[in-house]
Protein backbone atom coordinates (compact mmCIF):
# COMPACT_ATOMS: atom_id res chain seq x y z
CA UNK A 1 94.93 5.44 55.30
CA UNK A 2 91.11 4.96 56.79
CA UNK A 3 89.80 8.27 56.68
CA UNK A 4 89.80 11.79 55.96
CA UNK A 5 92.34 13.65 58.86
CA UNK A 6 89.39 16.09 58.21
CA UNK A 7 86.67 16.82 56.44
CA UNK A 8 86.36 16.43 53.07
CA UNK A 9 85.29 20.23 51.13
CA UNK A 10 84.96 18.67 47.74
CA UNK A 11 86.45 15.87 45.10
CA UNK A 12 88.44 18.11 42.41
CA UNK A 13 88.99 15.07 39.68
CA UNK A 14 91.29 15.20 36.20
CA UNK A 15 89.65 13.31 33.42
CA UNK A 16 91.71 11.50 31.56
CA UNK A 17 93.64 8.54 32.75
CA UNK A 18 91.79 9.21 35.87
CA UNK A 19 87.91 8.86 35.34
CA UNK A 20 87.83 7.50 32.16
CA UNK A 21 91.09 5.65 30.70
CA UNK A 22 90.74 7.19 27.59
CA UNK A 23 95.10 7.54 27.03
CA UNK A 24 94.60 4.68 24.09
CA UNK A 25 92.60 6.58 22.08
CA UNK A 26 94.38 9.46 22.60
CA UNK A 27 97.25 8.02 22.01
CA UNK A 28 95.89 6.18 18.90
CA UNK A 29 94.81 9.21 17.36
CA UNK A 30 98.54 10.71 18.18
CA UNK A 31 99.48 8.09 16.44
CA UNK A 32 97.23 8.75 13.39
CA UNK A 33 97.54 11.98 13.34
CA UNK A 34 101.77 12.42 13.39
CA UNK A 35 101.46 9.57 10.47
CA UNK A 36 98.91 11.55 8.26
CA UNK A 37 101.98 14.82 8.65
CA UNK A 38 104.70 12.57 7.39
CA UNK A 39 106.07 13.01 11.03
CA UNK A 40 108.46 11.41 13.79
CA UNK A 41 106.17 9.48 16.34
CA UNK A 42 107.55 11.46 19.63
CA UNK A 43 107.32 10.19 23.14
CA UNK A 44 103.49 10.29 23.79
CA UNK A 45 104.32 11.08 27.54
CA UNK A 46 104.63 15.07 26.79
CA UNK A 47 100.81 15.30 25.71
CA UNK A 48 99.70 13.39 29.03
CA UNK A 49 97.42 15.45 31.40
CA UNK A 50 98.55 19.23 29.16
CA UNK A 51 96.83 20.72 26.35
CA UNK A 52 97.40 19.92 23.43
CA UNK A 53 97.84 23.23 22.36
CA UNK A 54 100.07 24.41 25.33
CA UNK A 55 102.59 21.35 24.22
CA UNK A 56 103.13 22.57 20.45
CA UNK A 57 103.37 25.76 21.52
CA UNK A 58 106.01 25.75 24.51
CA UNK A 59 107.72 22.14 23.25
CA UNK A 60 110.26 21.53 20.22
CA UNK A 61 109.02 19.56 17.22
CA UNK A 62 108.07 19.64 13.90
CA UNK A 63 105.15 21.56 14.87
CA UNK A 64 107.22 24.17 16.10
CA UNK A 65 105.80 27.53 13.95
CA UNK A 66 102.47 26.34 13.08
CA UNK A 67 99.76 27.72 14.68
CA UNK A 68 99.88 25.41 17.67
CA UNK A 69 95.68 25.88 18.43
CA UNK A 70 95.05 24.58 14.54
CA UNK A 71 97.06 21.94 15.32
CA UNK A 72 95.02 20.67 18.78
CA UNK A 73 91.48 20.97 16.03
CA UNK A 74 93.93 18.58 14.25
CA UNK A 75 94.26 15.54 16.17
CA UNK A 76 90.55 15.47 17.38
CA UNK A 77 89.88 14.47 14.05
CA UNK A 78 91.31 11.09 14.96
CA UNK A 79 90.27 10.08 18.28
CA UNK A 80 88.77 6.78 17.10
CA UNK A 81 84.78 6.62 17.41
CA UNK A 82 84.76 4.79 20.71
CA UNK A 83 83.99 5.28 24.06
CA UNK A 84 86.58 5.35 26.71
CA UNK A 85 86.36 2.47 29.20
CA UNK A 86 85.99 3.59 32.73
CA UNK A 87 88.35 3.53 35.24
CA UNK A 88 87.47 1.16 37.98
CA UNK A 89 85.66 3.54 41.07
CA UNK A 90 84.64 5.89 38.75
CA UNK A 91 80.90 6.13 38.71
CA UNK A 92 81.15 4.33 41.83
CA UNK A 93 82.71 7.92 43.51
CA UNK A 94 80.82 10.10 41.26
CA UNK A 95 77.48 8.22 42.71
CA UNK A 96 78.86 8.29 46.84
CA UNK A 97 79.83 11.68 46.79
CA UNK A 98 77.08 13.06 45.39
CA UNK A 99 75.05 11.25 47.60
CA UNK A 100 77.22 12.80 50.61
CA UNK A 101 76.84 16.03 49.56
CA UNK A 102 80.49 16.18 49.48
CA UNK A 103 80.71 18.42 46.02
CA UNK A 104 82.44 17.35 43.14
CA UNK A 105 84.38 19.22 40.33
CA UNK A 106 86.09 17.58 36.84
CA UNK A 107 89.43 19.32 36.23
CA UNK A 108 90.39 18.49 32.73
CA UNK A 109 92.95 19.69 29.90
CA UNK A 110 90.00 18.47 27.75
CA UNK A 111 86.66 20.08 25.64
CA UNK A 112 83.51 19.98 26.85
CA UNK A 113 82.34 17.50 23.93
CA UNK A 114 84.80 15.02 25.22
CA UNK A 115 83.76 16.35 29.09
CA UNK A 116 79.92 14.79 28.22
CA UNK A 117 80.76 11.87 25.77
CA UNK A 118 83.62 10.64 29.07
CA UNK A 119 80.73 10.77 31.30
CA UNK A 120 78.10 9.23 28.82
CA UNK A 121 80.82 6.35 29.03
CA UNK A 122 80.04 6.19 32.93
CA UNK A 123 76.51 6.21 32.25
CA UNK A 124 76.03 9.66 34.01
CA UNK A 125 74.50 12.97 33.29
CA UNK A 126 75.95 16.09 32.59
CA UNK A 127 75.04 17.69 35.51
CA UNK A 128 75.77 14.30 37.63
CA UNK A 129 78.55 16.51 38.60
CA UNK A 130 78.64 19.99 40.17
CA UNK A 131 80.84 21.48 38.31
CA UNK A 132 82.73 21.16 34.93
CA UNK A 133 86.39 23.25 34.13
CA UNK A 134 87.61 22.77 30.93
CA UNK A 135 91.25 23.30 28.77
CA UNK A 136 88.23 26.71 27.48
CA UNK A 137 87.48 27.88 31.09
CA UNK A 138 91.69 28.90 31.81
CA UNK A 139 94.49 30.79 29.59
CA UNK A 140 97.46 28.39 31.95
CA UNK A 141 96.73 24.41 31.61
CA UNK A 142 98.24 22.08 33.26
CA UNK A 143 100.46 22.15 34.80
CA UNK A 144 99.86 26.02 35.64
CA UNK A 145 97.46 25.53 38.67
CA UNK A 146 94.61 27.38 37.46
CA UNK A 147 92.02 25.14 36.49
CA UNK A 148 92.41 23.79 40.34
CA UNK A 149 92.04 27.28 41.37
CA UNK A 150 88.90 28.16 39.90
CA UNK A 151 87.54 24.82 40.57
CA UNK A 152 87.29 25.77 44.51
CA UNK A 153 85.99 29.38 43.96
CA UNK A 154 83.72 27.95 41.82
CA UNK A 155 82.69 25.80 44.50
CA UNK A 156 83.16 28.24 47.65
CA UNK A 157 85.27 25.56 49.24
CA UNK A 158 89.14 25.61 51.00
CA UNK A 159 91.17 24.10 48.60
CA UNK A 160 93.75 23.16 51.70
CA UNK A 161 90.80 20.75 52.15
CA UNK A 162 89.67 19.36 48.91
CA UNK A 163 91.10 15.94 47.98
CA UNK A 164 92.34 15.92 43.96
CA UNK A 165 92.73 12.95 41.85
CA UNK A 166 95.01 12.84 39.34
CA UNK A 167 96.86 10.34 36.98
CA UNK A 168 99.81 12.41 35.45
CA UNK A 169 102.45 14.60 37.10
CA UNK A 170 101.45 17.66 35.51
CA UNK A 171 98.02 17.29 37.34
CA UNK A 172 99.49 16.53 40.58
CA UNK A 173 101.96 19.92 40.28
CA UNK A 174 98.09 21.71 39.57
CA UNK A 175 96.50 20.66 42.12
CA UNK A 176 98.97 21.15 44.74
CA UNK A 177 99.51 24.48 42.94
CA UNK A 178 96.26 25.10 43.95
CA UNK A 179 96.39 24.30 47.50
CA UNK A 180 95.49 20.62 47.17
CA UNK A 181 97.25 19.34 50.19
CA UNK A 182 95.22 15.99 49.19
CA UNK A 183 96.26 15.00 46.34
CA UNK A 184 95.89 11.14 44.82
CA UNK A 185 97.72 9.64 41.93
CA UNK A 186 95.81 6.71 39.37
CA UNK A 187 98.50 4.73 38.48
CA UNK A 188 96.96 4.53 34.89
CA UNK A 189 99.19 6.40 32.49
CA UNK A 190 102.78 7.21 35.44
CA UNK A 191 104.96 4.71 37.22
CA UNK A 192 104.04 4.83 40.48
CA UNK A 193 107.72 6.77 41.30
CA UNK A 194 106.86 9.29 38.86
CA UNK A 195 103.13 10.34 40.66
CA UNK A 196 105.08 10.09 44.34
CA UNK A 197 108.06 12.30 42.78
CA UNK A 198 105.26 15.09 41.73
CA UNK A 199 104.08 15.23 44.85
CA UNK A 200 101.03 12.53 45.34
CA UNK A 201 100.81 11.89 48.59
CA UNK A 202 99.33 8.38 47.71
CA UNK A 203 98.94 5.83 44.59
CA UNK A 204 96.24 3.77 43.14
CA UNK A 205 95.71 1.64 40.49
CA UNK A 206 92.23 2.79 40.53
CA UNK A 207 89.51 4.95 42.03
CA UNK A 208 88.03 2.34 44.35
CA UNK A 209 90.27 3.60 47.57
CA UNK A 210 89.03 6.92 47.89
CA UNK A 211 85.53 5.48 48.28
CA UNK A 212 86.87 5.15 52.01
CA UNK A 213 86.92 9.32 52.38
CA UNK A 214 83.74 10.18 51.63
CA UNK A 215 81.91 10.07 55.62
CA UNK A 216 79.95 7.49 57.17
């Protein structure tokens, strides 16, 4: 793919696993937390791309019946105190899109503090993007499309002409559900087949191929 069929109205980008390779840190936090709780470690794929409190609320497990929000706060306390590694092409895409005048939004299941920490790892200030939609901004998390729909509404852009990037099937489905037609999968945490099955138009190892979608 050498360029977009139509102008890109906005880049709508997931954070964890898309802009920063933070899944190893999150996995370490879950492993430490489950050990602390004395619970058997489940398949952590159920947490990828989703808010922890949503998983605790709807998925069966030893946490059933406990306060999902309180449990999610416990997990956060176990996140290692180190910066996440940038995904190749992430900073270049954000800087180039900003220079080209293409609106940028981060649409994440994380909270504002983690967004700020992640942007710092990319050597970017919080105002390095036009909009951030976090877990606190919507009632329903991914795979519900609310976050992406809100981003398009606040940026005043057409979802059909936006480009999204996601590393999880839940995130891909969320963007598609909001009307985004060009959702690119980033193969940091899930295999190509899983992202394609969720509806990703293309799957890449990192964000560098998306630079070709910017206006020349």
